[in-house]
């Protein structure tokens, strides 16, 4: 959401407009927690991937 602030707007009106804005939660990461099964240790995987660059 975009809120244009014009020069000379009263602080009270600005505060009221900001209170009307409701945050939108777009992604719930907890739904995907534990879904991917890794077959090796995370540190071992990271080292293996970094060795491919050399």
PDB file of N, CA and C in Angstrom:
ATOM      1  N   UNK A   1       0.832  -1.164   0.000  1.00  0.00           N
ATOM      2  CA  UNK A   1       0.000   0.000   0.000  1.00  0.00           C
ATOM      3  C   UNK A   1       0.881   1.232   0.000  1.00  0.00           C
ATOM      4  N   UNK A   2       0.490   2.230  -0.733  1.00  0.00           N
ATOM      5  CA  UNK A   2       1.251   3.467  -0.834  1.00  0.00           C
ATOM      6  C   UNK A   2       0.448   4.576  -0.182  1.00  0.00           C
ATOM      7  N   UNK A   3       1.102   5.333   0.648  1.00  0.00           N
ATOM      8  CA  UNK A   3       0.461   6.470   1.289  1.00  0.00           C
ATOM      9  C   UNK A   3       1.291   7.694   0.962  1.00  0.00           C
ATOM     10  N   UNK A   4       0.729   8.617   0.192  1.00  0.00           N
ATOM     11  CA  UNK A   4       1.445   9.828  -0.197  1.00  0.00           C
ATOM     12  C   UNK A   4       1.321  10.852   0.918  1.00  0.00           C
ATOM     13  N   UNK A   5       2.450  11.377   1.328  1.00  0.00           N
ATOM     14  CA  UNK A   5       2.468  12.397   2.373  1.00  0.00           C
ATOM     15  C   UNK A   5       2.687  13.743   1.699  1.00  0.00           C
ATOM     16  N   UNK A   6       1.690  14.591   1.835  1.00  0.00           N
ATOM     17  CA  UNK A   6       1.786  15.916   1.236  1.00  0.00           C
ATOM     18  C   UNK A   6       2.377  16.884   2.239  1.00  0.00           C
ATOM     19  N   UNK A   7       3.051  17.892   1.722  1.00  0.00           N
ATOM     20  CA  UNK A   7       3.670  18.893   2.561  1.00  0.00           C
ATOM     21  C   UNK A   7       2.589  19.636   3.350  1.00  0.00           C
ATOM     22  N   UNK A   8       2.788  19.775   4.638  1.00  0.00           N
ATOM     23  CA  UNK A   8       1.859  20.506   5.480  1.00  0.00           C
ATOM     24  C   UNK A   8       0.771  19.652   6.103  1.00  0.00           C
ATOM     25  N   UNK A   9       0.834  18.335   5.960  1.00  0.00           N
ATOM     26  CA  UNK A   9      -0.177  17.458   6.553  1.00  0.00           C
ATOM     27  C   UNK A   9      -0.031  17.481   8.074  1.00  0.00           C
ATOM     28  N   UNK A  10      -1.149  17.472   8.756  1.00  0.00           N
ATOM     29  CA  UNK A  10      -1.123  17.502  10.212  1.00  0.00           C
ATOM     30  C   UNK A  10      -0.671  16.153  10.756  1.00  0.00           C
ATOM     31  N   UNK A  11       0.054  16.204  11.859  1.00  0.00           N
ATOM     32  CA  UNK A  11       0.569  14.971  12.465  1.00  0.00           C
ATOM     33  C   UNK A  11      -0.575  14.052  12.877  1.00  0.00           C
ATOM     34  N   UNK A  12      -1.658  14.617  13.360  1.00  0.00           N
ATOM     35  CA  UNK A  12      -2.800  13.818  13.796  1.00  0.00           C
ATOM     36  C   UNK A  12      -3.392  13.020  12.624  1.00  0.00           C
ATOM     37  N   UNK A  13      -3.540  13.660  11.467  1.00  0.00           N
ATOM     38  CA  UNK A  13      -4.079  12.968  10.292  1.00  0.00           C
ATOM     39  C   UNK A  13      -3.116  11.892   9.801  1.00  0.00           C
ATOM     40  N   UNK A  14      -1.829  12.180   9.881  1.00  0.00           N
ATOM     41  CA  UNK A  14      -0.829  11.208   9.465  1.00  0.00           C
ATOM     42  C   UNK A  14      -0.863   9.983  10.377  1.00  0.00           C
ATOM     43  N   UNK A  15      -0.942  10.201  11.685  1.00  0.00           N
ATOM     44  CA  UNK A  15      -1.003   9.088  12.636  1.00  0.00           C
ATOM     45  C   UNK A  15      -2.256   8.241  12.416  1.00  0.00           C
ATOM     46  N   UNK A  16      -3.391   8.883  12.140  1.00  0.00           N
ATOM     47  CA  UNK A  16      -4.629   8.152  11.888  1.00  0.00           C
ATOM     48  C   UNK A  16      -4.511   7.283  10.636  1.00  0.00           C
ATOM     49  N   UNK A  17      -3.895   7.826   9.588  1.00  0.00           N
ATOM     50  CA  UNK A  17      -3.735   7.077   8.339  1.00  0.00           C
ATOM     51  C   UNK A  17      -2.808   5.882   8.542  1.00  0.00           C
ATOM     52  N   UNK A  18      -1.760   6.070   9.332  1.00  0.00           N
ATOM     53  CA  UNK A  18      -0.817   4.969   9.580  1.00  0.00           C
ATOM     54  C   UNK A  18      -1.454   3.866  10.416  1.00  0.00           C
ATOM     55  N   UNK A  19      -2.374   4.212  11.293  1.00  0.00           N
ATOM     56  CA  UNK A  19      -3.058   3.203  12.101  1.00  0.00           C
ATOM     57  C   UNK A  19      -4.030   2.378  11.267  1.00  0.00           C
ATOM     58  N   UNK A  20      -4.523   2.925  10.175  1.00  0.00           N
ATOM     59  CA  UNK A  20      -5.465   2.221   9.307  1.00  0.00           C
ATOM     60  C   UNK A  20      -4.780   1.139   8.472  1.00  0.00           C
ATOM     61  N   UNK A  21      -3.489   1.305   8.263  1.00  0.00           N
ATOM     62  CA  UNK A  21      -2.743   0.342   7.443  1.00  0.00           C
ATOM     63  C   UNK A  21      -2.563  -0.943   8.237  1.00  0.00           C
ATOM     64  N   UNK A  22      -2.987  -2.055   7.666  1.00  0.00           N
ATOM     65  CA  UNK A  22      -2.849  -3.352   8.308  1.00  0.00           C
ATOM     66  C   UNK A  22      -1.783  -4.160   7.575  1.00  0.00           C
ATOM     67  N   UNK A  23      -0.807  -4.724   8.297  1.00  0.00           N
ATOM     68  CA  UNK A  23       0.216  -5.529   7.630  1.00  0.00           C
ATOM     69  C   UNK A  23      -0.387  -6.806   7.060  1.00  0.00           C
ATOM     70  N   UNK A  24       0.118  -7.196   5.905  1.00  0.00           N
ATOM     71  CA  UNK A  24      -0.365  -8.404   5.235  1.00  0.00           C
ATOM     72  C   UNK A  24       0.691  -9.485   5.384  1.00  0.00           C
ATOM     73  N   UNK A  25       0.295 -10.605   5.974  1.00  0.00           N
ATOM     74  CA  UNK A  25       1.223 -11.715   6.121  1.00  0.00           C
ATOM     75  C   UNK A  25       1.125 -12.568   4.862  1.00  0.00           C
ATOM     76  N   UNK A  26       2.203 -12.639   4.111  1.00  0.00           N
ATOM     77  CA  UNK A  26       2.174 -13.295   2.809  1.00  0.00           C
ATOM     78  C   UNK A  26       2.718 -14.721   2.824  1.00  0.00           C
ATOM     79  N   UNK A  27       3.609 -15.017   3.753  1.00  0.00           N
ATOM     80  CA  UNK A  27       4.263 -16.318   3.715  1.00  0.00           C
ATOM     81  C   UNK A  27       4.403 -16.861   5.129  1.00  0.00           C
ATOM     82  N   UNK A  28       3.892 -18.043   5.353  1.00  0.00           N
ATOM     83  CA  UNK A  28       4.016 -18.698   6.646  1.00  0.00           C
ATOM     84  C   UNK A  28       5.029 -19.836   6.510  1.00  0.00           C
ATOM     85  N   UNK A  29       6.249 -19.584   6.932  1.00  0.00           N
ATOM     86  CA  UNK A  29       7.330 -20.562   6.787  1.00  0.00           C
ATOM     87  C   UNK A  29       7.137 -21.788   7.675  1.00  0.00           C
ATOM     88  N   UNK A  30       6.386 -21.652   8.754  1.00  0.00           N
ATOM     89  CA  UNK A  30       6.182 -22.781   9.666  1.00  0.00           C
ATOM     90  C   UNK A  30       5.428 -23.929   9.001  1.00  0.00           C
ATOM     91  N   UNK A  31       4.662 -23.629   7.968  1.00  0.00           N
ATOM     92  CA  UNK A  31       3.946 -24.687   7.264  1.00  0.00           C
ATOM     93  C   UNK A  31       4.891 -25.663   6.568  1.00  0.00           C
ATOM     94  N   UNK A  32       6.082 -25.194   6.218  1.00  0.00           N
ATOM     95  CA  UNK A  32       7.042 -26.000   5.460  1.00  0.00           C
ATOM     96  C   UNK A  32       8.178 -26.542   6.323  1.00  0.00           C
ATOM     97  N   UNK A  33       8.118 -26.287   7.608  1.00  0.00           N
ATOM     98  CA  UNK A  33       9.179 -26.715   8.513  1.00  0.00           C
ATOM     99  C   UNK A  33       9.266 -28.236   8.571  1.00  0.00           C
ATOM    100  N   UNK A  34      10.430 -28.775   8.300  1.00  0.00           N
ATOM    101  CA  UNK A  34      10.661 -30.202   8.405  1.00  0.00           C
ATOM    102  C   UNK A  34      10.191 -31.014   7.213  1.00  0.00           C
ATOM    103  N   UNK A  35       9.819 -30.392   6.114  1.00  0.00           N
ATOM    104  CA  UNK A  35       9.298 -31.112   4.954  1.00  0.00           C
ATOM    105  C   UNK A  35      10.417 -31.694   4.083  1.00  0.00           C
ATOM    106  N   UNK A  36      11.570 -31.035   4.062  1.00  0.00           N
ATOM    107  CA  UNK A  36      12.683 -31.499   3.237  1.00  0.00           C
ATOM    108  C   UNK A  36      13.558 -32.423   4.079  1.00  0.00           C
ATOM    109  N   UNK A  37      13.824 -33.590   3.573  1.00  0.00           N
ATOM    110  CA  UNK A  37      14.663 -34.558   4.270  1.00  0.00           C
ATOM    111  C   UNK A  37      16.057 -34.555   3.641  1.00  0.00           C
ATOM    112  N   UNK A  38      17.051 -34.175   4.428  1.00  0.00           N
ATOM    113  CA  UNK A  38      18.431 -34.165   3.956  1.00  0.00           C
ATOM    114  C   UNK A  38      19.066 -35.503   4.317  1.00  0.00           C
ATOM    115  N   UNK A  39      19.907 -35.989   3.432  1.00  0.00           N
ATOM    116  CA  UNK A  39      20.549 -37.279   3.658  1.00  0.00           C
ATOM    117  C   UNK A  39      21.989 -37.148   4.122  1.00  0.00           C
ATOM    118  N   UNK A  40      22.405 -35.899   4.401  1.00  0.00           N
ATOM    119  CA  UNK A  40      23.750 -35.697   4.918  1.00  0.00           C
ATOM    120  C   UNK A  40      23.756 -34.475   5.834  1.00  0.00           C
ATOM    121  N   UNK A  41      24.832 -34.340   6.580  1.00  0.00           N
ATOM    122  CA  UNK A  41      24.979 -33.223   7.500  1.00  0.00           C
ATOM    123  C   UNK A  41      25.055 -31.906   6.723  1.00  0.00           C
ATOM    124  N   UNK A  42      24.496 -30.839   7.273  1.00  0.00           N
ATOM    125  CA  UNK A  42      24.462 -29.548   6.588  1.00  0.00           C
ATOM    126  C   UNK A  42      25.862 -29.009   6.324  1.00  0.00           C
ATOM    127  N   UNK A  43      26.765 -29.156   7.273  1.00  0.00           N
ATOM    128  CA  UNK A  43      28.130 -28.666   7.095  1.00  0.00           C
ATOM    129  C   UNK A  43      28.861 -29.450   6.014  1.00  0.00           C
ATOM    130  N   UNK A  44      28.676 -30.744   5.962  1.00  0.00           N
ATOM    131  CA  UNK A  44      29.282 -31.585   4.923  1.00  0.00           C
ATOM    132  C   UNK A  44      28.756 -31.192   3.552  1.00  0.00           C
ATOM    133  N   UNK A  45      27.476 -30.957   3.445  1.00  0.00           N
ATOM    134  CA  UNK A  45      26.855 -30.538   2.189  1.00  0.00           C
ATOM    135  C   UNK A  45      27.426 -29.201   1.727  1.00  0.00           C
ATOM    136  N   UNK A  46      27.558 -28.256   2.649  1.00  0.00           N
ATOM    137  CA  UNK A  46      28.076 -26.931   2.309  1.00  0.00           C
ATOM    138  C   UNK A  46      29.523 -27.017   1.832  1.00  0.00           C
ATOM    139  N   UNK A  47      30.346 -27.810   2.518  1.00  0.00           N
ATOM    140  CA  UNK A  47      31.745 -27.957   2.107  1.00  0.00           C
ATOM    141  C   UNK A  47      31.844 -28.617   0.738  1.00  0.00           C
ATOM    142  N   UNK A  48      30.997 -29.604   0.474  1.00  0.00           N
ATOM    143  CA  UNK A  48      31.006 -30.287  -0.829  1.00  0.00           C
ATOM    144  C   UNK A  48      30.646 -29.328  -1.949  1.00  0.00           C
ATOM    145  N   UNK A  49      29.667 -28.485  -1.726  1.00  0.00           N
ATOM    146  CA  UNK A  49      29.263 -27.526  -2.757  1.00  0.00           C
ATOM    147  C   UNK A  49      30.364 -26.493  -3.004  1.00  0.00           C
ATOM    148  N   UNK A  50      31.018 -26.056  -1.960  1.00  0.00           N
ATOM    149  CA  UNK A  50      32.070 -25.054  -2.126  1.00  0.00           C
ATOM    150  C   UNK A  50      33.303 -25.641  -2.811  1.00  0.00           C
ATOM    151  N   UNK A  51      33.549 -26.939  -2.638  1.00  0.00           N
ATOM    152  CA  UNK A  51      34.678 -27.571  -3.298  1.00  0.00           C
ATOM    153  C   UNK A  51      34.455 -27.679  -4.807  1.00  0.00           C
ATOM    154  N   UNK A  52      33.208 -27.673  -5.257  1.00  0.00           N
ATOM    155  CA  UNK A  52      32.928 -27.760  -6.691  1.00  0.00           C
ATOM    156  C   UNK A  52      33.383 -26.521  -7.442  1.00  0.00           C
ATOM    157  N   UNK A  53      33.498 -25.378  -6.737  1.00  0.00           N
ATOM    158  CA  UNK A  53      33.871 -24.131  -7.392  1.00  0.00           C
ATOM    159  C   UNK A  53      35.371 -24.082  -7.703  1.00  0.00           C
ATOM    160  N   UNK A  54      36.172 -24.841  -6.964  1.00  0.00           N
ATOM    161  CA  UNK A  54      37.633 -24.787  -7.182  1.00  0.00           C
ATOM    162  C   UNK A  54      38.077 -25.582  -8.365  1.00  0.00           C
TER     163      UNK A  54
END
